[in-house]
Amino acid sequence: MNSPYGLSLAEDCLLCRLRSDEFFCALPRPSLEAFERIKHPCSYPAGAVIFLEGQPPRGVFVLCQGQAKLSTTDKGRTLILRMVKPGEVLGLSTTIVGSPYELTCATMQPCQLNFVEREDFLCFLKEHGDVCLHAAQHLSHDCERTYDLIRYFGLSHFASERLARFLLESAVGKQASHGVVRVKLTLTRTEISQLVGLDRVTVSRTLGEFRKKKVAELDGATLIIRNRAALERLVAS
């Protein structure tokens, strides 16, 4: 079935071809069948807000396809904590605890998500021990990512190091052709600055330096890495 946003929707988790090794996708069949009965498939266009920082928790969202971002705002400044990939669960900790959402989640491109209301999800946890284990593992991974983020912002003192780390992470898994790696980015320069914790002017200036040194550059929405080793040296320094 196609949605208004050009997505080919996967409505049945048991027959889904998008299944990954993440949380709900990897559940045993009995638990997956129970999840199928309580989930609500939904689709969103690019730029849609899934939930807002400070809102009471309505439930959890599982990203099936597309890309989203988690961000926080304070005194007019926005920081993107991370990008969300398919298979991840959003709003898990706040739904379990009952506290407001700590972050804002917005789509970067058309997305399909499965939504489970809070009360249904809490009952689901109580009735399925394997789901509790998966939830604990997912929360542990979130905790590890938070530690990495603290190290990233606490120990990365130079703009070139932060930006180099972002460029390398964007190119993970991409193969070079004649020594050059090309990656399509969905982020604007403003969003890149929010993700690396720098202002837009600093990001543009640092990218300009990388381009002059023939290390890397942004050509529209295409990231071109010409010297991966130079970026790796910046991160390791």
C-alpha atoms as a PDB file:
ATOM      1  CA  MET A   1       0.000   0.000   0.000  1.00  0.00           C
ATOM      2  CA  ASN A   2       1.325   3.474  -0.922  1.00  0.00           C
ATOM      3  CA  SER A   3       1.002   6.475   1.397  1.00  0.00           C
ATOM      4  CA  PRO A   4       0.497  10.084   0.257  1.00  0.00           C
ATOM      5  CA  TYR A   5       4.257  10.628   0.725  1.00  0.00           C
ATOM      6  CA  GLY A   6       5.450   8.091  -1.818  1.00  0.00           C
ATOM      7  CA  LEU A   7       6.206   5.352   0.686  1.00  0.00           C
ATOM      8  CA  SER A   8       5.396   1.707   0.124  1.00  0.00           C
ATOM      9  CA  LEU A   9       3.903   0.964   3.534  1.00  0.00           C
ATOM     10  CA  ALA A  10       4.666  -2.271   5.349  1.00  0.00           C
ATOM     11  CA  GLU A  11       1.513  -2.867   7.384  1.00  0.00           C
ATOM     12  CA  ASP A  12       2.107  -6.404   8.714  1.00  0.00           C
ATOM     13  CA  CYS A  13       5.179  -6.831  10.927  1.00  0.00           C
ATOM     14  CA  LEU A  14       5.094 -10.606  10.440  1.00  0.00           C
ATOM     15  CA  LEU A  15       5.430 -10.268   6.663  1.00  0.00           C
ATOM     16  CA  CYS A  16       7.552  -7.110   6.600  1.00  0.00           C
ATOM     17  CA  ARG A  17      10.549  -7.106   4.250  1.00  0.00           C
ATOM     18  CA  LEU A  18      12.059  -4.130   6.108  1.00  0.00           C
ATOM     19  CA  ARG A  19      12.673  -6.090   9.328  1.00  0.00           C
ATOM     20  CA  SER A  20      16.082  -5.537  10.927  1.00  0.00           C
ATOM     21  CA  ASP A  21      17.889  -6.805  14.024  1.00  0.00           C
ATOM     22  CA  GLU A  22      16.585  -3.880  16.090  1.00  0.00           C
ATOM     23  CA  PHE A  23      14.156  -4.045  19.050  1.00  0.00           C
ATOM     24  CA  PHE A  24      10.641  -5.080  17.889  1.00  0.00           C
ATOM     25  CA  CYS A  25      11.779  -6.484  14.569  1.00  0.00           C
ATOM     26  CA  ALA A  26      13.855  -9.135  16.342  1.00  0.00           C
ATOM     27  CA  LEU A  27      11.164 -10.326  18.760  1.00  0.00           C
ATOM     28  CA  PRO A  28      10.110 -14.017  18.759  1.00  0.00           C
ATOM     29  CA  ARG A  29       6.954 -14.703  16.725  1.00  0.00           C
ATOM     30  CA  PRO A  30       4.481 -14.899  19.687  1.00  0.00           C
ATOM     31  CA  SER A  31       5.581 -11.474  20.962  1.00  0.00           C
ATOM     32  CA  LEU A  32       5.609 -10.050  17.442  1.00  0.00           C
ATOM     33  CA  GLU A  33       2.048 -11.263  16.941  1.00  0.00           C
ATOM     34  CA  ALA A  34       1.030  -9.513  20.184  1.00  0.00           C
ATOM     35  CA  PHE A  35       2.777  -6.342  19.031  1.00  0.00           C
ATOM     36  CA  GLU A  36       0.929  -6.538  15.718  1.00  0.00           C
ATOM     37  CA  ARG A  37      -2.386  -6.320  17.613  1.00  0.00           C
ATOM     38  CA  ILE A  38      -1.532  -3.099  19.498  1.00  0.00           C
ATOM     39  CA  LYS A  39       0.475  -1.077  16.982  1.00  0.00           C
ATOM     40  CA  HIS A  40      -0.902   1.679  14.765  1.00  0.00           C
ATOM     41  CA  PRO A  41       0.930   2.260  11.452  1.00  0.00           C
ATOM     42  CA  CYS A  42       1.313   5.911  10.465  1.00  0.00           C
ATOM     43  CA  SER A  43       3.224   7.908   7.892  1.00  0.00           C
ATOM     44  CA  TYR A  44       4.620  11.443   7.965  1.00  0.00           C
ATOM     45  CA  PRO A  45       6.067  13.824   5.378  1.00  0.00           C
ATOM     46  CA  ALA A  46       9.549  15.301   5.698  1.00  0.00           C
ATOM     47  CA  GLY A  47       9.735  18.024   8.358  1.00  0.00           C
ATOM     48  CA  ALA A  48       6.906  16.653  10.520  1.00  0.00           C
ATOM     49  CA  VAL A  49       7.195  16.727  14.316  1.00  0.00           C
ATOM     50  CA  ILE A  50       6.538  13.312  15.887  1.00  0.00           C
ATOM     51  CA  PHE A  51       6.671  14.573  19.462  1.00  0.00           C
ATOM     52  CA  LEU A  52       7.873  17.695  21.252  1.00  0.00           C
ATOM     53  CA  GLU A  53      10.255  18.120  24.152  1.00  0.00           C
ATOM     54  CA  GLY A  54       8.166  18.614  27.307  1.00  0.00           C
ATOM     55  CA  GLN A  55       5.010  16.906  26.018  1.00  0.00           C
ATOM     56  CA  PRO A  56       3.409  14.171  28.169  1.00  0.00           C
ATOM     57  CA  PRO A  57       4.320  10.738  26.771  1.00  0.00           C
ATOM     58  CA  ARG A  58       1.617   9.350  24.499  1.00  0.00           C
ATOM     59  CA  GLY A  59       3.504   6.149  23.791  1.00  0.00           C
ATOM     60  CA  VAL A  60       6.385   4.750  21.767  1.00  0.00           C
ATOM     61  CA  PHE A  61       7.146   5.040  18.075  1.00  0.00           C
ATOM     62  CA  VAL A  62       9.088   2.509  16.017  1.00  0.00           C
ATOM     63  CA  LEU A  63      10.728   3.934  12.904  1.00  0.00           C
ATOM     64  CA  CYS A  64      10.116   1.477  10.063  1.00  0.00           C
ATOM     65  CA  GLN A  65      11.541   3.457   7.150  1.00  0.00           C
ATOM     66  CA  GLY A  66      12.894   6.932   6.529  1.00  0.00           C
ATOM     67  CA  GLN A  67      15.106   9.074   8.739  1.00  0.00           C
ATOM     68  CA  ALA A  68      14.397  11.254  11.771  1.00  0.00           C
ATOM     69  CA  LYS A  69      16.379  13.434  14.164  1.00  0.00           C
ATOM     70  CA  LEU A  70      16.331  13.925  17.932  1.00  0.00           C
ATOM     71  CA  SER A  71      17.041  17.449  19.136  1.00  0.00           C
ATOM     72  CA  THR A  72      16.813  19.741  22.137  1.00  0.00           C
ATOM     73  CA  THR A  73      16.418  23.516  22.306  1.00  0.00           C
ATOM     74  CA  ASP A  74      17.489  25.966  24.977  1.00  0.00           C
ATOM     75  CA  LYS A  75      17.540  29.785  24.865  1.00  0.00           C
ATOM     76  CA  GLY A  76      16.961  29.797  21.126  1.00  0.00           C
ATOM     77  CA  ARG A  77      19.790  27.358  20.344  1.00  0.00           C
ATOM     78  CA  THR A  78      19.115  23.906  18.920  1.00  0.00           C
ATOM     79  CA  LEU A  79      21.348  20.878  19.315  1.00  0.00           C
ATOM     80  CA  ILE A  80      20.736  17.721  17.286  1.00  0.00           C
ATOM     81  CA  LEU A  81      21.749  14.818  19.496  1.00  0.00           C
ATOM     82  CA  ARG A  82      21.605  12.156  16.832  1.00  0.00           C
ATOM     83  CA  MET A  83      19.985  10.823  13.708  1.00  0.00           C
ATOM     84  CA  VAL A  84      17.554   7.917  14.013  1.00  0.00           C
ATOM     85  CA  LYS A  85      17.701   4.906  11.707  1.00  0.00           C
ATOM     86  CA  PRO A  86      14.965   2.377  10.853  1.00  0.00           C
ATOM     87  CA  GLY A  87      14.261  -0.188  13.563  1.00  0.00           C
ATOM     88  CA  GLU A  88      14.860   2.179  16.471  1.00  0.00           C
ATOM     89  CA  VAL A  89      12.294   2.887  19.185  1.00  0.00           C
ATOM     90  CA  LEU A  90      11.508   6.503  20.074  1.00  0.00           C
ATOM     91  CA  GLY A  91      10.179   7.702  23.420  1.00  0.00           C
ATOM     92  CA  LEU A  92      10.921   4.426  25.203  1.00  0.00           C
ATOM     93  CA  SER A  93      12.316   5.711  28.518  1.00  0.00           C
ATOM     94  CA  THR A  94       9.716   8.461  28.969  1.00  0.00           C
ATOM     95  CA  THR A  95       6.874   6.079  28.153  1.00  0.00           C
ATOM     96  CA  ILE A  96       8.068   3.606  30.784  1.00  0.00           C
ATOM     97  CA  VAL A  97       8.716   6.246  33.481  1.00  0.00           C
ATOM     98  CA  GLY A  98       5.779   8.509  32.608  1.00  0.00           C
ATOM     99  CA  SER A  99       7.885  11.669  32.436  1.00  0.00           C
ATOM    100  CA  PRO A 100       7.609  14.195  29.570  1.00  0.00           C
ATOM    101  CA  TYR A 101       9.531  13.589  26.362  1.00  0.00           C
ATOM    102  CA  GLU A 102      13.102  14.847  26.934  1.00  0.00           C
ATOM    103  CA  LEU A 103      13.705  15.558  23.238  1.00  0.00           C
ATOM    104  CA  THR A 104      11.941  16.654  20.084  1.00  0.00           C
ATOM    105  CA  CYS A 105      11.685  14.135  17.260  1.00  0.00           C
ATOM    106  CA  ALA A 106      11.160  15.332  13.686  1.00  0.00           C
ATOM    107  CA  THR A 107      11.323  13.565  10.322  1.00  0.00           C
ATOM    108  CA  MET A 108      14.137  14.318   7.878  1.00  0.00           C
ATOM    109  CA  GLN A 109      12.362  12.606   4.973  1.00  0.00           C
ATOM    110  CA  PRO A 110       9.038  10.804   4.499  1.00  0.00           C
ATOM    111  CA  CYS A 111       8.766   8.178   7.235  1.00  0.00           C
ATOM    112  CA  GLN A 112       6.658   5.239   8.285  1.00  0.00           C
ATOM    113  CA  LEU A 113       6.343   4.585  12.009  1.00  0.00           C
ATOM    114  CA  ASN A 114       4.417   2.182  14.199  1.00  0.00           C
ATOM    115  CA  PHE A 115       2.838   3.849  17.234  1.00  0.00           C
ATOM    116  CA  VAL A 116       1.849   2.038  20.452  1.00  0.00           C
ATOM    117  CA  GLU A 117      -0.164   3.864  23.113  1.00  0.00           C
ATOM    118  CA  ARG A 118       1.440   4.043  26.542  1.00  0.00           C
ATOM    119  CA  GLU A 119      -1.061   1.863  28.421  1.00  0.00           C
ATOM    120  CA  ASP A 120      -0.965  -0.819  25.730  1.00  0.00           C
ATOM    121  CA  PHE A 121       2.811  -0.766  25.742  1.00  0.00           C
ATOM    122  CA  LEU A 122       3.096  -1.103  29.524  1.00  0.00           C
ATOM    123  CA  CYS A 123       0.752  -4.115  29.437  1.00  0.00           C
ATOM    124  CA  PHE A 124       2.813  -5.525  26.576  1.00  0.00           C
ATOM    125  CA  LEU A 125       5.949  -5.297  28.748  1.00  0.00           C
ATOM    126  CA  LYS A 126       4.246  -6.994  31.705  1.00  0.00           C
ATOM    127  CA  GLU A 127       2.992  -9.903  29.630  1.00  0.00           C
ATOM    128  CA  HIS A 128       6.165 -10.607  27.614  1.00  0.00           C
ATOM    129  CA  GLY A 129       9.478 -11.093  29.412  1.00  0.00           C
ATOM    130  CA  ASP A 130      11.455 -11.193  26.172  1.00  0.00           C
ATOM    131  CA  VAL A 131      10.134  -7.723  25.336  1.00  0.00           C
ATOM    132  CA  CYS A 132      11.406  -6.441  28.701  1.00  0.00           C
ATOM    133  CA  LEU A 133      14.851  -7.814  27.876  1.00  0.00           C
ATOM    134  CA  HIS A 134      14.839  -6.121  24.471  1.00  0.00           C
ATOM    135  CA  ALA A 135      13.686  -2.880  26.110  1.00  0.00           C
ATOM    136  CA  ALA A 136      16.528  -3.059  28.643  1.00  0.00           C
ATOM    137  CA  GLN A 137      19.035  -3.648  25.850  1.00  0.00           C
ATOM    138  CA  HIS A 138      17.648  -0.735  23.864  1.00  0.00           C
ATOM    139  CA  LEU A 139      17.877   1.572  26.896  1.00  0.00           C
ATOM    140  CA  SER A 140      21.455   0.410  27.498  1.00  0.00           C
ATOM    141  CA  HIS A 141      22.368   1.323  23.922  1.00  0.00           C
ATOM    142  CA  ASP A 142      20.782   4.749  24.432  1.00  0.00           C
ATOM    143  CA  CYS A 143      22.886   5.167  27.582  1.00  0.00           C
ATOM    144  CA  GLU A 144      26.069   4.231  25.699  1.00  0.00           C
ATOM    145  CA  ARG A 145      25.235   6.747  22.969  1.00  0.00           C
ATOM    146  CA  THR A 146      24.759   9.414  25.648  1.00  0.00           C
ATOM    147  CA  TYR A 147      28.200   8.632  27.107  1.00  0.00           C
ATOM    148  CA  ASP A 148      29.708   8.893  23.624  1.00  0.00           C
ATOM    149  CA  LEU A 149      27.984  12.246  23.127  1.00  0.00           C
ATOM    150  CA  ILE A 150      29.342  13.584  26.425  1.00  0.00           C
ATOM    151  CA  ARG A 151      32.867  12.483  25.456  1.00  0.00           C
ATOM    152  CA  TYR A 152      32.394  14.000  22.012  1.00  0.00           C
ATOM    153  CA  PHE A 153      31.414  17.451  23.274  1.00  0.00           C
ATOM    154  CA  GLY A 154      33.582  17.353  26.385  1.00  0.00           C
ATOM    155  CA  LEU A 155      36.832  16.241  24.770  1.00  0.00           C
ATOM    156  CA  SER A 156      36.599  17.543  21.180  1.00  0.00           C
ATOM    157  CA  HIS A 157      38.007  21.052  21.551  1.00  0.00           C
ATOM    158  CA  PHE A 158      38.603  21.913  17.904  1.00  0.00           C
ATOM    159  CA  ALA A 159      36.003  22.604  15.229  1.00  0.00           C
ATOM    160  CA  SER A 160      38.051  20.684  12.655  1.00  0.00           C
ATOM    161  CA  GLU A 161      38.001  17.571  14.861  1.00  0.00           C
ATOM    162  CA  ARG A 162      34.224  17.702  15.408  1.00  0.00           C
ATOM    163  CA  LEU A 163      33.504  18.234  11.738  1.00  0.00           C
ATOM    164  CA  ALA A 164      35.968  15.545  10.675  1.00  0.00           C
ATOM    165  CA  ARG A 165      34.258  13.069  12.992  1.00  0.00           C
ATOM    166  CA  PHE A 166      30.857  13.914  11.481  1.00  0.00           C
ATOM    167  CA  LEU A 167      32.153  13.519   7.913  1.00  0.00           C
ATOM    168  CA  LEU A 168      33.738  10.148   8.705  1.00  0.00           C
ATOM    169  CA  GLU A 169      30.575   8.878  10.410  1.00  0.00           C
ATOM    170  CA  SER A 170      28.525   9.986   7.391  1.00  0.00           C
ATOM    171  CA  ALA A 171      30.760   7.910   5.122  1.00  0.00           C
ATOM    172  CA  VAL A 172      30.749   4.697   7.173  1.00  0.00           C
ATOM    173  CA  GLY A 173      30.216   1.731   4.876  1.00  0.00           C
ATOM    174  CA  LYS A 174      30.732   3.769   1.702  1.00  0.00           C
ATOM    175  CA  GLN A 175      33.320   2.549  -0.792  1.00  0.00           C
ATOM    176  CA  ALA A 176      35.824   4.837  -2.460  1.00  0.00           C
ATOM    177  CA  SER A 177      36.028   5.154  -6.222  1.00  0.00           C
ATOM    178  CA  HIS A 178      39.507   6.185  -7.424  1.00  0.00           C
ATOM    179  CA  GLY A 179      40.293   7.266  -3.872  1.00  0.00           C
ATOM    180  CA  VAL A 180      37.201   9.487  -3.547  1.00  0.00           C
ATOM    181  CA  VAL A 181      34.118   8.793  -1.417  1.00  0.00           C
ATOM    182  CA  ARG A 182      30.782  10.386  -2.346  1.00  0.00           C
ATOM    183  CA  VAL A 183      27.820  10.425   0.053  1.00  0.00           C
ATOM    184  CA  LYS A 184      24.366  11.980  -0.311  1.00  0.00           C
ATOM    185  CA  LEU A 185      23.472  13.984   2.794  1.00  0.00           C
ATOM    186  CA  THR A 186      19.953  14.880   3.903  1.00  0.00           C
ATOM    187  CA  LEU A 187      21.235  17.564   6.290  1.00  0.00           C
ATOM    188  CA  THR A 188      21.486  21.278   5.603  1.00  0.00           C
ATOM    189  CA  ARG A 189      24.537  23.216   6.799  1.00  0.00           C
ATOM    190  CA  THR A 190      22.444  24.595   9.632  1.00  0.00           C
ATOM    191  CA  GLU A 191      21.515  21.065  10.702  1.00  0.00           C
ATOM    192  CA  ILE A 192      25.145  19.967  10.443  1.00  0.00           C
ATOM    193  CA  SER A 193      26.128  22.822  12.764  1.00  0.00           C
ATOM    194  CA  GLN A 194      23.411  21.760  15.220  1.00  0.00           C
ATOM    195  CA  LEU A 195      24.642  18.176  15.099  1.00  0.00           C
ATOM    196  CA  VAL A 196      28.317  18.997  15.772  1.00  0.00           C
ATOM    197  CA  GLY A 197      27.615  21.758  18.302  1.00  0.00           C
ATOM    198  CA  LEU A 198      29.126  24.612  16.279  1.00  0.00           C
ATOM    199  CA  ASP A 199      27.684  27.758  14.752  1.00  0.00           C
ATOM    200  CA  ARG A 200      26.969  27.806  11.031  1.00  0.00           C
ATOM    201  CA  VAL A 201      29.750  30.305  10.273  1.00  0.00           C
ATOM    202  CA  THR A 202      32.358  28.048  11.904  1.00  0.00           C
ATOM    203  CA  VAL A 203      31.096  25.024   9.980  1.00  0.00           C
ATOM    204  CA  SER A 204      31.271  26.920   6.662  1.00  0.00           C
ATOM    205  CA  ARG A 205      34.761  28.234   7.451  1.00  0.00           C
ATOM    206  CA  THR A 206      36.049  24.795   8.434  1.00  0.00           C
ATOM    207  CA  LEU A 207      34.536  23.209   5.326  1.00  0.00           C
ATOM    208  CA  GLY A 208      36.277  25.907   3.299  1.00  0.00           C
ATOM    209  CA  GLU A 209      39.600  24.953   4.893  1.00  0.00           C
ATOM    210  CA  PHE A 210      38.986  21.277   4.132  1.00  0.00           C
ATOM    211  CA  ARG A 211      38.223  22.152   0.529  1.00  0.00           C
ATOM    212  CA  LYS A 212      41.393  24.242   0.098  1.00  0.00           C
ATOM    213  CA  LYS A 213      43.470  21.369   1.475  1.00  0.00           C
ATOM    214  CA  LYS A 214      41.626  18.936  -0.823  1.00  0.00           C
ATOM    215  CA  VAL A 215      40.491  16.885   2.146  1.00  0.00           C
ATOM    216  CA  ALA A 216      36.693  17.086   1.782  1.00  0.00           C
ATOM    217  CA  GLU A 217      33.950  19.348   0.482  1.00  0.00           C
ATOM    218  CA  LEU A 218      30.191  19.699   0.166  1.00  0.00           C
ATOM    219  CA  ASP A 219      28.883  20.010  -3.370  1.00  0.00           C
ATOM    220  CA  GLY A 220      25.201  20.752  -2.867  1.00  0.00           C
ATOM    221  CA  ALA A 221      23.826  17.721  -1.024  1.00  0.00           C
ATOM    222  CA  THR A 222      26.852  15.554  -1.900  1.00  0.00           C
ATOM    223  CA  LEU A 223      29.696  15.043   0.539  1.00  0.00           C
ATOM    224  CA  ILE A 224      32.984  14.388  -1.271  1.00  0.00           C
ATOM    225  CA  ILE A 225      35.847  12.980   0.799  1.00  0.00           C
ATOM    226  CA  ARG A 226      39.160  13.126  -1.055  1.00  0.00           C
ATOM    227  CA  ASN A 227      41.507  12.328   1.816  1.00  0.00           C
ATOM    228  CA  ARG A 228      39.945  10.048   4.426  1.00  0.00           C
ATOM    229  CA  ALA A 229      43.310   9.538   6.156  1.00  0.00           C
ATOM    230  CA  ALA A 230      43.617  13.292   6.837  1.00  0.00           C
ATOM    231  CA  LEU A 231      40.200  13.318   8.511  1.00  0.00           C
ATOM    232  CA  GLU A 232      41.132  10.265  10.583  1.00  0.00           C
ATOM    233  CA  ARG A 233      44.295  12.023  11.772  1.00  0.00           C
ATOM    234  CA  LEU A 234      42.238  15.005  12.937  1.00  0.00           C
ATOM    235  CA  VAL A 235      39.954  12.745  14.967  1.00  0.00           C
ATOM    236  CA  ALA A 236      42.875  10.806  16.452  1.00  0.00           C
ATOM    237  CA  SER A 237      44.904  13.888  17.399  1.00  0.00           C
END
